[in-house]
Amino acid sequence: MTTPTTAHTPAPAGSENAPAHHHGPRMRWVKQAPEVYQAMIALDAAARKDVDPGLAELLKIRASQLNKCAFCLDMHLNDARKAGESEERLQLLVAWAEAPDHYTAKERAALAPTEAITVLTDGFVPDDVYATAAAHFDEAELAQLIALITTINAWNRFAVSTRMTPGKA
């Protein structure tokens, strides 16, 4: 009788013998779907219209953190730094609700719906989250924020599903 070898038994994740998970690009979707890419560029430009650029970067970073999109995180962290955002605020963004003194009430009012729209665990954006955002942004501004949050989520999904490599467009 032969005994099975460990070569056929997968090693537990995180163990020394676990196979490496390759995160290299699967395809260059931009080249495969250029019309979609151009439409996304137009949507992105329209969604950013009249949104404070610093706030837009914070929202894009937070959605990208939630979606585990390394490509978009790399891009938007760099853009935020170039725009003068502090390292401390960028590092604390993952826990912004626990660091309220580092973000304005208006920024927190925009970060909460970013999380709610990105995750949608309850299948909807809670009324209190929407009401708080509506107290800080007029309807046109809130519509733009929702568009911006929705757009970065679409970008994240393109990048994550095709495993775009950070730093390489």
C-alpha atoms as a PDB file:
ATOM      1  CA  MET A   1       0.000   0.000   0.000  1.00  0.00           C
ATOM      2  CA  THR A   2       1.296   3.416  -0.886  1.00  0.00           C
ATOM      3  CA  THR A   3       0.732   6.517   1.124  1.00  0.00           C
ATOM      4  CA  PRO A   4      -0.169   9.818  -0.464  1.00  0.00           C
ATOM      5  CA  THR A   5       2.649  12.287  -0.766  1.00  0.00           C
ATOM      6  CA  THR A   6       2.453  15.818   0.518  1.00  0.00           C
ATOM      7  CA  ALA A   7       3.093  17.033  -3.016  1.00  0.00           C
ATOM      8  CA  HIS A   8      -0.584  16.448  -3.779  1.00  0.00           C
ATOM      9  CA  THR A   9      -1.862  17.998  -0.577  1.00  0.00           C
ATOM     10  CA  PRO A  10      -2.145  21.758  -0.710  1.00  0.00           C
ATOM     11  CA  ALA A  11      -0.229  23.550   2.027  1.00  0.00           C
ATOM     12  CA  PRO A  12      -2.249  25.795   4.316  1.00  0.00           C
ATOM     13  CA  ALA A  13      -2.404  29.414   3.199  1.00  0.00           C
ATOM     14  CA  GLY A  14       0.337  31.461   4.750  1.00  0.00           C
ATOM     15  CA  SER A  15       2.576  28.443   5.344  1.00  0.00           C
ATOM     16  CA  GLU A  16       6.085  28.260   4.023  1.00  0.00           C
ATOM     17  CA  ASN A  17       5.090  25.637   1.433  1.00  0.00           C
ATOM     18  CA  ALA A  18       1.940  27.381   0.201  1.00  0.00           C
ATOM     19  CA  PRO A  19       1.937  28.165  -3.510  1.00  0.00           C
ATOM     20  CA  ALA A  20       2.408  31.839  -4.293  1.00  0.00           C
ATOM     21  CA  HIS A  21      -0.718  33.573  -5.479  1.00  0.00           C
ATOM     22  CA  HIS A  22       0.199  35.356  -8.669  1.00  0.00           C
ATOM     23  CA  HIS A  23      -1.316  38.794  -8.989  1.00  0.00           C
ATOM     24  CA  GLY A  24       0.111  39.667 -12.360  1.00  0.00           C
ATOM     25  CA  PRO A  25      -2.152  41.116 -15.029  1.00  0.00           C
ATOM     26  CA  ARG A  26      -4.639  38.797 -16.685  1.00  0.00           C
ATOM     27  CA  MET A  27      -5.287  41.026 -19.661  1.00  0.00           C
ATOM     28  CA  ARG A  28      -5.030  44.620 -20.765  1.00  0.00           C
ATOM     29  CA  TRP A  29      -8.745  45.354 -20.754  1.00  0.00           C
ATOM     30  CA  VAL A  30      -8.092  48.903 -21.965  1.00  0.00           C
ATOM     31  CA  LYS A  31      -6.807  47.463 -25.245  1.00  0.00           C
ATOM     32  CA  GLN A  32      -9.543  44.832 -25.447  1.00  0.00           C
ATOM     33  CA  ALA A  33     -12.419  47.243 -24.715  1.00  0.00           C
ATOM     34  CA  PRO A  34     -11.232  50.702 -25.835  1.00  0.00           C
ATOM     35  CA  GLU A  35     -14.757  52.091 -26.223  1.00  0.00           C
ATOM     36  CA  VAL A  36     -15.589  51.100 -22.647  1.00  0.00           C
ATOM     37  CA  TYR A  37     -12.361  52.696 -21.464  1.00  0.00           C
ATOM     38  CA  GLN A  38     -13.154  55.944 -23.296  1.00  0.00           C
ATOM     39  CA  ALA A  39     -16.677  55.921 -21.832  1.00  0.00           C
ATOM     40  CA  MET A  40     -15.186  55.426 -18.353  1.00  0.00           C
ATOM     41  CA  ILE A  41     -12.807  58.357 -18.907  1.00  0.00           C
ATOM     42  CA  ALA A  42     -15.779  60.543 -19.860  1.00  0.00           C
ATOM     43  CA  LEU A  43     -17.825  59.278 -16.893  1.00  0.00           C
ATOM     44  CA  ASP A  44     -14.899  59.898 -14.542  1.00  0.00           C
ATOM     45  CA  ALA A  45     -14.502  63.483 -15.785  1.00  0.00           C
ATOM     46  CA  ALA A  46     -18.230  64.135 -15.433  1.00  0.00           C
ATOM     47  CA  ALA A  47     -18.339  62.593 -11.949  1.00  0.00           C
ATOM     48  CA  ARG A  48     -15.413  64.725 -10.704  1.00  0.00           C
ATOM     49  CA  LYS A  49     -16.943  67.961 -11.984  1.00  0.00           C
ATOM     50  CA  ASP A  50     -17.263  70.500  -9.162  1.00  0.00           C
ATOM     51  CA  VAL A  51     -16.022  68.020  -6.508  1.00  0.00           C
ATOM     52  CA  ASP A  52     -13.141  69.309  -4.392  1.00  0.00           C
ATOM     53  CA  PRO A  53     -10.074  67.471  -5.771  1.00  0.00           C
ATOM     54  CA  GLY A  54      -8.688  66.686  -2.297  1.00  0.00           C
ATOM     55  CA  LEU A  55     -11.988  65.219  -1.153  1.00  0.00           C
ATOM     56  CA  ALA A  56     -12.288  63.260  -4.397  1.00  0.00           C
ATOM     57  CA  GLU A  57      -8.905  61.613  -3.764  1.00  0.00           C
ATOM     58  CA  LEU A  58      -9.866  60.673  -0.188  1.00  0.00           C
ATOM     59  CA  LEU A  59     -13.064  59.033  -1.434  1.00  0.00           C
ATOM     60  CA  LYS A  60     -11.251  57.198  -4.233  1.00  0.00           C
ATOM     61  CA  ILE A  61      -8.639  55.934  -1.792  1.00  0.00           C
ATOM     62  CA  ARG A  62     -11.231  54.768   0.728  1.00  0.00           C
ATOM     63  CA  ALA A  63     -13.289  52.891  -1.885  1.00  0.00           C
ATOM     64  CA  SER A  64     -10.098  51.356  -3.284  1.00  0.00           C
ATOM     65  CA  GLN A  65      -9.078  50.210   0.213  1.00  0.00           C
ATOM     66  CA  LEU A  66     -12.445  48.516   0.687  1.00  0.00           C
ATOM     67  CA  ASN A  67     -12.226  46.890  -2.743  1.00  0.00           C
ATOM     68  CA  LYS A  68      -8.587  45.857  -2.203  1.00  0.00           C
ATOM     69  CA  CYS A  69      -7.586  47.511  -5.458  1.00  0.00           C
ATOM     70  CA  ALA A  70      -3.808  47.904  -5.303  1.00  0.00           C
ATOM     71  CA  PHE A  71      -3.629  49.557  -8.724  1.00  0.00           C
ATOM     72  CA  CYS A  72      -6.099  52.322  -7.805  1.00  0.00           C
ATOM     73  CA  LEU A  73      -4.649  52.720  -4.302  1.00  0.00           C
ATOM     74  CA  ASP A  74      -1.190  53.293  -5.746  1.00  0.00           C
ATOM     75  CA  MET A  75      -2.515  55.834  -8.240  1.00  0.00           C
ATOM     76  CA  HIS A  76      -4.742  57.800  -5.867  1.00  0.00           C
ATOM     77  CA  LEU A  77      -2.314  57.799  -2.945  1.00  0.00           C
ATOM     78  CA  ASN A  78       0.282  59.293  -5.285  1.00  0.00           C
ATOM     79  CA  ASP A  79      -2.230  61.830  -6.604  1.00  0.00           C
ATOM     80  CA  ALA A  80      -3.247  62.791  -3.053  1.00  0.00           C
ATOM     81  CA  ARG A  81       0.378  63.273  -2.019  1.00  0.00           C
ATOM     82  CA  LYS A  82       1.041  65.438  -5.086  1.00  0.00           C
ATOM     83  CA  ALA A  83      -2.013  67.518  -4.113  1.00  0.00           C
ATOM     84  CA  GLY A  84      -0.487  68.089  -0.672  1.00  0.00           C
ATOM     85  CA  GLU A  85      -2.370  65.550   1.439  1.00  0.00           C
ATOM     86  CA  SER A  86      -0.544  64.645   4.664  1.00  0.00           C
ATOM     87  CA  GLU A  87       0.898  61.190   5.260  1.00  0.00           C
ATOM     88  CA  GLU A  88      -0.841  61.045   8.619  1.00  0.00           C
ATOM     89  CA  ARG A  89      -4.301  61.535   7.116  1.00  0.00           C
ATOM     90  CA  LEU A  90      -3.561  59.040   4.343  1.00  0.00           C
ATOM     91  CA  GLN A  91      -2.416  56.431   6.861  1.00  0.00           C
ATOM     92  CA  LEU A  92      -5.432  56.964   9.112  1.00  0.00           C
ATOM     93  CA  LEU A  93      -7.971  56.909   6.280  1.00  0.00           C
ATOM     94  CA  VAL A  94      -8.507  53.169   6.707  1.00  0.00           C
ATOM     95  CA  ALA A  95      -9.836  54.017  10.218  1.00  0.00           C
ATOM     96  CA  TRP A  96     -11.231  57.510   9.574  1.00  0.00           C
ATOM     97  CA  ALA A  97     -14.258  57.005  11.842  1.00  0.00           C
ATOM     98  CA  GLU A  98     -11.926  56.272  14.760  1.00  0.00           C
ATOM     99  CA  ALA A  99      -9.826  59.367  14.000  1.00  0.00           C
ATOM    100  CA  PRO A 100     -12.488  62.084  13.726  1.00  0.00           C
ATOM    101  CA  ASP A 101     -10.120  64.916  14.665  1.00  0.00           C
ATOM    102  CA  HIS A 102      -8.129  64.277  11.488  1.00  0.00           C
ATOM    103  CA  TYR A 103     -11.053  64.789   9.085  1.00  0.00           C
ATOM    104  CA  THR A 104     -13.567  67.599   8.809  1.00  0.00           C
ATOM    105  CA  ALA A 105     -17.266  66.989   9.410  1.00  0.00           C
ATOM    106  CA  LYS A 106     -17.813  67.435   5.674  1.00  0.00           C
ATOM    107  CA  GLU A 107     -15.130  64.865   4.821  1.00  0.00           C
ATOM    108  CA  ARG A 108     -16.631  62.384   7.300  1.00  0.00           C
ATOM    109  CA  ALA A 109     -20.067  63.065   5.810  1.00  0.00           C
ATOM    110  CA  ALA A 110     -18.653  62.040   2.411  1.00  0.00           C
ATOM    111  CA  LEU A 111     -16.610  59.072   3.651  1.00  0.00           C
ATOM    112  CA  ALA A 112     -19.620  57.375   5.278  1.00  0.00           C
ATOM    113  CA  PRO A 113     -21.623  57.090   2.030  1.00  0.00           C
ATOM    114  CA  THR A 114     -18.440  56.046   0.241  1.00  0.00           C
ATOM    115  CA  GLU A 115     -18.322  53.011   2.507  1.00  0.00           C
ATOM    116  CA  ALA A 116     -22.077  52.395   2.313  1.00  0.00           C
ATOM    117  CA  ILE A 117     -22.181  52.613  -1.502  1.00  0.00           C
ATOM    118  CA  THR A 118     -19.018  50.537  -1.908  1.00  0.00           C
ATOM    119  CA  VAL A 119     -19.966  47.700   0.415  1.00  0.00           C
ATOM    120  CA  LEU A 120     -23.790  47.678   0.238  1.00  0.00           C
ATOM    121  CA  THR A 121     -23.946  44.902   2.849  1.00  0.00           C
ATOM    122  CA  ASP A 122     -27.481  45.856   3.822  1.00  0.00           C
ATOM    123  CA  GLY A 123     -28.511  46.255   0.193  1.00  0.00           C
ATOM    124  CA  PHE A 124     -29.013  49.989   0.614  1.00  0.00           C
ATOM    125  CA  VAL A 125     -27.418  53.173   1.931  1.00  0.00           C
ATOM    126  CA  PRO A 126     -28.723  53.734   5.483  1.00  0.00           C
ATOM    127  CA  ASP A 127     -30.976  56.764   5.970  1.00  0.00           C
ATOM    128  CA  ASP A 128     -28.755  58.284   8.660  1.00  0.00           C
ATOM    129  CA  VAL A 129     -25.699  58.104   6.387  1.00  0.00           C
ATOM    130  CA  TYR A 130     -27.613  59.762   3.558  1.00  0.00           C
ATOM    131  CA  ALA A 131     -29.109  62.407   5.863  1.00  0.00           C
ATOM    132  CA  THR A 132     -25.703  63.325   7.275  1.00  0.00           C
ATOM    133  CA  ALA A 133     -24.266  63.685   3.781  1.00  0.00           C
ATOM    134  CA  ALA A 134     -27.300  65.725   2.687  1.00  0.00           C
ATOM    135  CA  ALA A 135     -26.744  68.065   5.635  1.00  0.00           C
ATOM    136  CA  HIS A 136     -23.245  68.892   4.342  1.00  0.00           C
ATOM    137  CA  PHE A 137     -23.802  68.857   0.576  1.00  0.00           C
ATOM    138  CA  ASP A 138     -26.604  70.333  -1.501  1.00  0.00           C
ATOM    139  CA  GLU A 139     -28.449  67.984  -3.851  1.00  0.00           C
ATOM    140  CA  ALA A 140     -26.261  68.753  -6.872  1.00  0.00           C
ATOM    141  CA  GLU A 141     -23.076  68.206  -4.830  1.00  0.00           C
ATOM    142  CA  LEU A 142     -24.458  65.002  -3.347  1.00  0.00           C
ATOM    143  CA  ALA A 143     -25.378  63.753  -6.816  1.00  0.00           C
ATOM    144  CA  GLN A 144     -21.779  64.387  -7.940  1.00  0.00           C
ATOM    145  CA  LEU A 145     -20.392  62.559  -4.880  1.00  0.00           C
ATOM    146  CA  ILE A 146     -22.602  59.550  -5.582  1.00  0.00           C
ATOM    147  CA  ALA A 147     -21.428  59.580  -9.207  1.00  0.00           C
ATOM    148  CA  LEU A 148     -17.776  59.833  -8.124  1.00  0.00           C
ATOM    149  CA  ILE A 149     -18.145  56.963  -5.626  1.00  0.00           C
ATOM    150  CA  THR A 150     -19.923  54.808  -8.198  1.00  0.00           C
ATOM    151  CA  THR A 151     -17.263  55.560 -10.801  1.00  0.00           C
ATOM    152  CA  ILE A 152     -14.287  54.657  -8.589  1.00  0.00           C
ATOM    153  CA  ASN A 153     -16.061  51.416  -7.720  1.00  0.00           C
ATOM    154  CA  ALA A 154     -16.349  50.632 -11.436  1.00  0.00           C
ATOM    155  CA  TRP A 155     -12.654  51.435 -11.964  1.00  0.00           C
ATOM    156  CA  ASN A 156     -11.788  49.208  -8.974  1.00  0.00           C
ATOM    157  CA  ARG A 157     -13.741  46.323 -10.439  1.00  0.00           C
ATOM    158  CA  PHE A 158     -12.008  46.601 -13.817  1.00  0.00           C
ATOM    159  CA  ALA A 159      -8.596  46.754 -12.138  1.00  0.00           C
ATOM    160  CA  VAL A 160      -9.188  43.976  -9.601  1.00  0.00           C
ATOM    161  CA  SER A 161     -10.816  41.540 -12.013  1.00  0.00           C
ATOM    162  CA  THR A 162      -8.027  41.937 -14.574  1.00  0.00           C
ATOM    163  CA  ARG A 163      -5.336  42.196 -11.861  1.00  0.00           C
ATOM    164  CA  MET A 164      -3.848  45.441 -13.053  1.00  0.00           C
ATOM    165  CA  THR A 165      -0.377  45.933 -11.620  1.00  0.00           C
ATOM    166  CA  PRO A 166       0.250  48.978  -9.391  1.00  0.00           C
ATOM    167  CA  GLY A 167       2.423  51.553 -11.100  1.00  0.00           C
ATOM    168  CA  LYS A 168       1.771  50.134 -14.559  1.00  0.00           C
ATOM    169  CA  ALA A 169      -1.101  51.529 -16.598  1.00  0.00           C
END
